[in-house]
């Protein structure tokens, strides 16, 4: 028996060298992987709808809790938000995961109570700030009127 070492050029099958066969195999594998990673059109549509739903809920929460007097559509590009939430929706497979749905259902009363408390505190703080601002304007106006009439009012008094 002779010890022969085959070179890549010597190893041929159907007229193809080993290097060429390896390149073809790798190309086939890459093509198969890319095809397998192509999203299902139905799943993509579900993911897109879920992303829109998540974004709508987010924008409603922002409007309700942070900017009730602002037309959120005037300052936010809804499509950019949908695009931002799309990877999350794709990760979920276009559906709210069962574990999340179960958690929301289980904790729904607590979520609603917390939402109510948070928005009430926010509204009360905002109203308080408006009242304080109004009182400060009144105090300044009274001081200006007193100064215009030649009277000096002492701090803390309403003359």
Protein backbone atom coordinates (compact mmCIF):
# COMPACT_ATOMS: atom_id res chain seq x y z
CA UNK A 1 0.00 0.00 0.00
CA UNK A 2 1.30 3.35 -0.89
CA UNK A 3 0.88 6.35 1.36
CA UNK A 4 -0.57 8.99 -0.85
CA UNK A 5 -1.82 12.35 0.25
CA UNK A 6 -4.60 13.68 -1.86
CA UNK A 7 -4.51 17.33 -2.67
CA UNK A 8 -7.62 19.43 -3.16
CA UNK A 9 -7.04 19.32 -6.88
CA UNK A 10 -6.75 15.54 -6.82
CA UNK A 11 -10.00 15.02 -4.90
CA UNK A 12 -12.61 15.42 -7.58
CA UNK A 13 -16.19 14.31 -7.77
CA UNK A 14 -18.15 14.88 -10.93
CA UNK A 15 -15.35 17.08 -12.17
CA UNK A 16 -15.47 19.36 -9.13
CA UNK A 17 -12.62 19.96 -6.75
CA UNK A 18 -13.03 19.71 -2.96
CA UNK A 19 -12.79 23.50 -2.49
CA UNK A 20 -15.51 24.08 -5.07
CA UNK A 21 -17.77 21.48 -3.44
CA UNK A 22 -17.25 23.11 0.00
CA UNK A 23 -18.14 26.56 -1.42
CA UNK A 24 -21.28 25.14 -3.05
CA UNK A 25 -22.30 23.42 0.16
CA UNK A 26 -21.78 26.59 2.21
CA UNK A 27 -23.75 28.64 -0.33
CA UNK A 28 -26.61 26.11 -0.23
CA UNK A 29 -26.61 26.19 3.57
CA UNK A 30 -26.65 29.99 3.65
CA UNK A 31 -29.53 30.05 1.14
CA UNK A 32 -31.49 27.45 3.13
CA UNK A 33 -30.90 29.40 6.37
CA UNK A 34 -32.01 32.67 4.76
CA UNK A 35 -35.13 30.97 3.42
CA UNK A 36 -35.89 29.46 6.82
CA UNK A 37 -35.47 32.87 8.45
CA UNK A 38 -37.96 34.52 6.08
CA UNK A 39 -40.95 35.58 8.14
CA UNK A 40 -44.30 34.03 7.41
CA UNK A 41 -46.47 36.74 5.76
CA UNK A 42 -49.36 36.02 8.15
CA UNK A 43 -47.06 36.24 11.16
CA UNK A 44 -45.60 39.51 9.83
CA UNK A 45 -49.10 40.97 9.48
CA UNK A 46 -49.99 39.89 13.03
CA UNK A 47 -46.74 41.42 14.29
CA UNK A 48 -47.45 44.67 12.45
CA UNK A 49 -50.95 44.88 13.95
CA UNK A 50 -49.63 44.09 17.43
CA UNK A 51 -46.94 46.80 17.07
CA UNK A 52 -49.64 49.30 16.10
CA UNK A 53 -51.75 48.25 19.08
CA UNK A 54 -48.83 48.60 21.49
CA UNK A 55 -47.94 52.01 20.04
CA UNK A 56 -51.55 53.23 20.24
CA UNK A 57 -51.76 52.19 23.89
CA UNK A 58 -48.47 53.90 24.63
CA UNK A 59 -49.54 57.15 22.92
CA UNK A 60 -52.88 57.14 24.75
CA UNK A 61 -51.08 56.70 28.06
CA UNK A 62 -48.70 59.57 27.28
CA UNK A 63 -51.56 61.84 26.23
CA UNK A 64 -53.68 60.97 29.26
CA UNK A 65 -50.96 61.19 31.89
CA UNK A 66 -48.44 63.64 30.54
CA UNK A 67 -49.95 65.89 27.87
CA UNK A 68 -53.74 66.03 28.00
CA UNK A 69 -53.87 69.36 26.16
CA UNK A 70 -51.55 68.33 23.36
CA UNK A 71 -52.62 66.72 20.11
CA UNK A 72 -50.10 63.91 20.26
CA UNK A 73 -50.53 63.23 16.54
CA UNK A 74 -49.12 66.71 15.82
CA UNK A 75 -45.79 66.01 17.54
CA UNK A 76 -45.29 62.27 17.14
CA UNK A 77 -44.78 60.27 13.96
CA UNK A 78 -47.02 57.28 14.64
CA UNK A 79 -45.33 55.21 11.92
CA UNK A 80 -41.92 55.59 13.59
CA UNK A 81 -43.47 54.32 16.80
CA UNK A 82 -44.99 51.37 14.99
CA UNK A 83 -41.58 50.58 13.50
CA UNK A 84 -39.96 50.89 16.93
CA UNK A 85 -42.40 48.39 18.45
CA UNK A 86 -42.27 45.97 15.48
CA UNK A 87 -39.21 43.98 16.66
CA UNK A 88 -40.91 43.41 20.02
CA UNK A 89 -44.12 42.32 18.29
CA UNK A 90 -42.11 40.01 16.02
CA UNK A 91 -40.37 38.54 19.05
CA UNK A 92 -43.83 37.82 20.46
CA UNK A 93 -44.78 36.10 17.21
CA UNK A 94 -47.41 38.73 16.49
CA UNK A 95 -49.46 37.80 19.54
CA UNK A 96 -49.44 38.79 23.17
CA UNK A 97 -47.51 35.96 24.83
CA UNK A 98 -49.66 33.71 27.03
CA UNK A 99 -47.51 34.47 30.09
CA UNK A 100 -48.07 38.22 29.60
CA UNK A 101 -51.80 37.82 28.98
CA UNK A 102 -52.06 35.68 32.14
CA UNK A 103 -50.10 38.27 34.14
CA UNK A 104 -52.28 41.13 32.88
CA UNK A 105 -55.42 39.17 33.70
CA UNK A 106 -54.15 38.23 37.15
CA UNK A 107 -52.98 41.72 38.08
CA UNK A 108 -55.62 43.72 36.18
CA UNK A 109 -57.35 45.08 39.33
CA UNK A 110 -53.99 46.23 40.70
CA UNK A 111 -52.97 47.75 37.37
CA UNK A 112 -56.25 49.67 37.12
CA UNK A 113 -56.02 50.87 40.72
CA UNK A 114 -52.41 51.97 40.22
CA UNK A 115 -53.30 53.71 36.97
CA UNK A 116 -56.12 55.57 38.72
CA UNK A 117 -53.92 56.57 41.67
CA UNK A 118 -51.07 57.71 39.44
CA UNK A 119 -53.23 59.81 37.16
CA UNK A 120 -55.10 61.29 40.13
CA UNK A 121 -51.85 62.30 41.81
CA UNK A 122 -50.63 63.78 38.53
CA UNK A 123 -53.84 65.77 38.04
CA UNK A 124 -53.82 67.00 41.64
CA UNK A 125 -50.19 68.14 41.40
CA UNK A 126 -50.93 69.93 38.15
CA UNK A 127 -53.98 71.68 39.68
CA UNK A 128 -51.95 72.60 42.76
CA UNK A 129 -49.25 74.15 40.59
CA UNK A 130 -51.87 76.18 38.72
CA UNK A 131 -53.40 77.44 41.99
CA UNK A 132 -49.99 78.42 43.34
CA UNK A 133 -49.16 80.18 40.09
CA UNK A 134 -52.48 82.05 40.21
CA UNK A 135 -51.89 83.11 43.86
CA UNK A 136 -48.39 84.30 42.99
CA UNK A 137 -49.73 86.39 40.09
CA UNK A 138 -52.37 87.89 42.42
CA UNK A 139 -49.71 88.77 45.00
CA UNK A 140 -47.51 90.45 42.39
CA UNK A 141 -50.46 92.34 40.95
CA UNK A 142 -51.42 93.62 44.42
CA UNK A 143 -47.84 94.70 45.08
CA UNK A 144 -47.69 96.55 41.77
CA UNK A 145 -51.03 98.25 42.42
CA UNK A 146 -49.91 99.21 45.94
CA UNK A 147 -46.63 100.61 44.62
CA UNK A 148 -48.51 102.57 41.97
CA UNK A 149 -50.72 104.08 44.70
CA UNK A 150 -47.72 104.91 46.87
CA UNK A 151 -48.40 102.17 49.39
CA UNK A 152 -45.91 99.58 50.42
CA UNK A 153 -47.29 96.29 51.51
CA UNK A 154 -45.42 94.11 53.88
CA UNK A 155 -44.58 90.61 52.75
CA UNK A 156 -47.34 88.22 53.74
CA UNK A 157 -50.06 90.88 53.99
CA UNK A 158 -52.73 91.70 51.47
CA UNK A 159 -53.25 95.45 51.60
